Structures are given as structure tokens and as C-alpha cells.
């Protein structure tokens, strides 16, 4: 079976590993609120992982309900819709007022702009690990998978203790944790990342 083509210049996500289908009601609730490329991923692939298992397409409603009030969006219209998380507990959101994606790197206490969804997806497909390294500082992730095994869909590798609390950035300090719970804990301990 051929992978579906997305609105990223005819590209597909060859390494996408599906977790579950996205409910039709959820797709309709976010249609027009998120980029068309995200709708295409939901319709053609569902929830799941890609980018060598680093990027995870999530249910935005679940994340909005749990952490919507602490995402830290202070600029523009204040709208920030969670779309993905990383295998290191970062949150990727759609920022309509910016017209692009933003990644909140909780482990580093900073945010980074990722550009348009189409561009981010195309660069991830074309440059893979190099792009993820340059934009999301993912370099420790493959070593963590080798040392600790693959992650379940709803988990991420989290530094214990957190880097902000003096923890070292070593593979042996990464532990599998529920992603949503870990983000809540990082926000509670470190504060929001204003953006």
C-alpha cells in the first residue's frame, strides 16, 4: 500500500507509525483552526509517530483541556493549539497569529519557531535527523532509545532531575514518563514559557 500524499509538495510521511484513528468529530472541530496539512495527517494517518519516533501527533482537545491555561501564549491573539509532542517532552503548537508552529522546549526553558506546518513537515521529511537536531535539539533522543528502548505512544524521555533543577543532560538521567503529566510537572516547577 502506498502512503498517502500530503500537502507538502506531494510528500508523504514514510516512517509514520499509526497509534489510532482521529475521530471525525475532532477533525471537524479543528478544521479551519489548524493548517490543512495537519488535517491531512489526521485524515490519512491518524495519531502516531514519525521523525524516527521523535514526533508524536496528539489529540489537541486532550492537551488543551489539561494544559491549555499554562501553555504561556501571551503574544498576538493568545491562541495556541497543541498539535504534537516530542520524545523529549516538548510541545509543538499552532500559533495562528504567527502563521506557524512553535515548539516549547520545556527541558531547555525556551520556545523556538518552526515556521509554516508545510515547511516543517517537508524539512523533516527531507533532512530527518539533521533538521530535528538543528531545530529541536534532538541529539540525545536516539541514544535514549538505544539505552532505554522505544517509547510507548503517550510517553516521553524526561530528565530526572529536570535540567532546570540542576540535573545533568546525560542519557542515564532520561526516564520514561507520561508526556502530559511530565509537561504539567515541568510547568508547575519551572513556570510557563511566555511566547
Protein backbone atom coordinates (compact mmCIF):
# COMPACT_ATOMS: atom_id res chain seq x y z
CA UNK A 1 0.00 0.00 0.00
CA UNK A 2 1.34 3.42 -0.94
CA UNK A 3 1.44 6.08 1.80
CA UNK A 4 -0.93 8.99 1.24
CA UNK A 5 0.45 12.17 -0.30
CA UNK A 6 0.26 15.28 1.87
CA UNK A 7 0.08 18.95 1.00
CA UNK A 8 3.86 19.22 1.43
CA UNK A 9 4.85 19.34 -2.20
CA UNK A 10 3.50 15.83 -2.86
CA UNK A 11 5.45 14.29 0.01
CA UNK A 12 4.36 11.53 2.31
CA UNK A 13 5.50 10.58 5.79
CA UNK A 14 7.21 7.30 5.06
CA UNK A 15 8.12 6.48 8.67
CA UNK A 16 4.74 7.29 10.22
CA UNK A 17 3.68 4.66 12.76
CA UNK A 18 -0.02 4.87 13.49
CA UNK A 19 -1.38 4.71 17.00
CA UNK A 20 -5.11 5.24 16.43
CA UNK A 21 -7.58 6.94 14.14
CA UNK A 22 -8.62 10.53 14.72
CA UNK A 23 -12.33 10.87 15.40
CA UNK A 24 -14.30 12.59 12.61
CA UNK A 25 -15.88 14.97 15.16
CA UNK A 26 -12.43 16.04 16.33
CA UNK A 27 -11.27 16.72 12.78
CA UNK A 28 -14.36 18.83 12.10
CA UNK A 29 -13.95 20.73 15.39
CA UNK A 30 -10.45 21.84 14.33
CA UNK A 31 -10.97 22.23 10.57
CA UNK A 32 -10.24 25.86 9.73
CA UNK A 33 -8.49 26.34 13.08
CA UNK A 34 -5.29 24.41 12.24
CA UNK A 35 -3.28 24.13 8.99
CA UNK A 36 -4.64 21.94 6.21
CA UNK A 37 -1.51 19.78 6.42
CA UNK A 38 -2.44 18.79 9.98
CA UNK A 39 -5.99 17.92 8.90
CA UNK A 40 -4.46 15.77 6.13
CA UNK A 41 -2.27 13.95 8.65
CA UNK A 42 -5.28 13.28 10.87
CA UNK A 43 -7.39 12.06 7.95
CA UNK A 44 -4.69 9.97 6.23
CA UNK A 45 -2.57 8.74 9.12
CA UNK A 46 -4.32 9.39 12.45
CA UNK A 47 -2.48 9.82 15.72
CA UNK A 48 1.01 8.37 15.72
CA UNK A 49 4.73 8.99 15.46
CA UNK A 50 7.22 9.97 12.76
CA UNK A 51 10.67 11.53 12.53
CA UNK A 52 12.30 8.30 13.74
CA UNK A 53 9.72 8.11 16.54
CA UNK A 54 10.59 11.57 17.89
CA UNK A 55 7.49 13.49 16.76
CA UNK A 56 4.08 12.44 18.04
CA UNK A 57 0.79 13.66 16.56
CA UNK A 58 -1.56 14.11 19.52
CA UNK A 59 -5.19 14.88 20.30
CA UNK A 60 -5.25 18.69 20.70
CA UNK A 61 -8.51 18.66 22.67
CA UNK A 62 -6.99 16.40 25.34
CA UNK A 63 -3.95 18.65 25.70
CA UNK A 64 -5.99 21.88 25.63
CA UNK A 65 -8.19 20.54 28.43
CA UNK A 66 -5.20 19.53 30.57
CA UNK A 67 -2.67 22.31 29.93
CA UNK A 68 -4.41 24.93 27.80
CA UNK A 69 -4.25 27.51 30.58
CA UNK A 70 -0.49 27.12 31.06
CA UNK A 71 0.88 26.97 27.52
CA UNK A 72 2.14 30.52 28.02
CA UNK A 73 0.79 32.23 24.90
CA UNK A 74 0.96 35.95 25.64
CA UNK A 75 1.54 37.49 22.20
CA UNK A 76 -0.89 38.12 19.36
CA UNK A 77 -4.38 36.70 19.73
CA UNK A 78 -3.42 34.38 22.62
CA UNK A 79 -4.40 31.25 20.66
CA UNK A 80 -2.01 28.31 20.85
CA UNK A 81 -3.28 24.87 19.76
CA UNK A 82 -1.26 21.78 20.79
CA UNK A 83 -0.63 19.50 17.78
CA UNK A 84 2.41 17.38 18.55
CA UNK A 85 4.82 16.47 21.31
CA UNK A 86 8.37 15.23 21.05
CA UNK A 87 10.00 12.19 22.54
CA UNK A 88 11.73 14.58 24.97
CA UNK A 89 8.53 16.08 26.39
CA UNK A 90 8.37 19.23 24.24
CA UNK A 91 5.07 20.66 22.98
CA UNK A 92 4.54 21.79 19.37
CA UNK A 93 1.66 24.22 18.94
CA UNK A 94 -0.04 26.00 16.06
CA UNK A 95 0.06 29.77 16.55
CA UNK A 96 -2.50 31.36 14.18
CA UNK A 97 -1.32 34.91 14.88
CA UNK A 98 2.19 33.90 13.75
CA UNK A 99 1.00 31.67 10.92
CA UNK A 100 3.36 28.95 12.08
CA UNK A 101 4.34 26.25 14.52
CA UNK A 102 6.15 26.90 17.79
CA UNK A 103 7.92 24.30 19.91
CA UNK A 104 8.03 24.82 23.66
CA UNK A 105 11.25 23.11 24.74
CA UNK A 106 10.35 22.67 28.42
CA UNK A 107 13.61 20.82 29.07
CA UNK A 108 15.51 23.97 27.99
CA UNK A 109 13.02 26.60 29.16
CA UNK A 110 12.66 28.22 25.74
CA UNK A 111 10.47 28.36 22.70
CA UNK A 112 11.53 28.05 19.07
CA UNK A 113 9.67 28.97 15.89
CA UNK A 114 9.34 26.15 13.37
CA UNK A 115 7.72 28.07 10.50
CA UNK A 116 4.72 27.00 8.50
CA UNK A 117 3.44 23.46 9.02
CA UNK A 118 4.10 22.66 5.36
CA UNK A 119 7.72 23.79 5.67
CA UNK A 120 8.38 21.98 8.94
CA UNK A 121 6.94 18.71 7.61
CA UNK A 122 8.84 18.98 4.31
CA UNK A 123 12.17 19.73 6.02
CA UNK A 124 11.66 16.89 8.49
CA UNK A 125 10.94 14.53 5.59
CA UNK A 126 13.91 15.71 3.53
CA UNK A 127 16.58 16.25 6.20
CA UNK A 128 15.35 13.98 9.01
CA UNK A 129 17.74 13.81 11.95
CA UNK A 130 19.75 16.82 10.75
CA UNK A 131 16.65 19.03 10.72
CA UNK A 132 15.46 17.72 14.09
CA UNK A 133 18.91 18.37 15.55
CA UNK A 134 19.07 21.93 14.24
CA UNK A 135 15.55 22.93 15.23
CA UNK A 136 14.64 20.80 18.26
CA UNK A 137 17.99 19.76 19.73
CA UNK A 138 17.01 16.10 19.48
CA UNK A 139 20.54 14.63 19.52
CA UNK A 140 20.20 12.72 22.81
CA UNK A 141 16.93 11.06 21.72
CA UNK A 142 18.38 8.22 19.56
CA UNK A 143 20.85 7.39 22.34
CA UNK A 144 17.97 7.27 24.84
CA UNK A 145 16.04 4.85 22.61
CA UNK A 146 19.14 2.64 22.35
CA UNK A 147 19.70 2.73 26.12
CA UNK A 148 16.10 2.53 27.36
CA UNK A 149 14.11 1.07 24.46
CA UNK A 150 11.37 2.57 22.30
CA UNK A 151 8.73 4.77 23.87
CA UNK A 152 5.06 3.94 24.18
CA UNK A 153 2.95 6.49 22.27
CA UNK A 154 1.91 8.50 25.34
CA UNK A 155 5.36 8.66 26.95
CA UNK A 156 8.49 10.78 26.53
CA UNK A 157 12.01 10.68 27.89
CA UNK A 158 12.25 13.24 30.71
CA UNK A 159 15.40 14.32 32.55
CA UNK A 160 15.31 13.27 36.21
CA UNK A 161 16.10 15.53 37.93
CA UNK A 162 14.99 18.22 35.49
CA UNK A 163 17.78 20.20 33.86
CA UNK A 164 16.33 23.38 35.40
CA UNK A 165 16.82 21.82 38.84
CA UNK A 166 20.47 21.00 38.18
CA UNK A 167 20.07 17.61 36.58
CA UNK A 168 22.77 16.58 34.11
CA UNK A 169 21.97 16.16 30.41
CA UNK A 170 23.02 12.52 30.23
CA UNK A 171 21.21 9.53 28.74
CA UNK A 172 21.20 7.75 32.10
CA UNK A 173 19.20 10.68 33.55
CA UNK A 174 16.40 10.24 31.00
CA UNK A 175 13.40 8.26 32.24
CA UNK A 176 10.18 7.25 30.52
CA UNK A 177 7.28 9.33 31.83
CA UNK A 178 3.69 10.03 30.76
CA UNK A 179 4.12 13.04 28.45
CA UNK A 180 1.10 15.05 29.55
CA UNK A 181 1.84 14.55 33.25
CA UNK A 182 5.51 15.44 32.69
CA UNK A 183 4.59 18.68 30.91
CA UNK A 184 2.26 19.62 33.77
CA UNK A 185 5.02 18.93 36.29
CA UNK A 186 7.61 20.93 34.32
CA UNK A 187 5.24 23.91 34.09
CA UNK A 188 4.47 23.66 37.83
CA UNK A 189 8.16 23.60 38.75
CA UNK A 190 9.64 25.86 36.08
CA UNK A 191 6.76 28.13 35.11
CA UNK A 192 5.33 28.73 31.67
CA UNK A 193 7.39 29.67 28.64
CA UNK A 194 5.97 33.02 27.61
CA UNK A 195 5.79 33.47 23.88
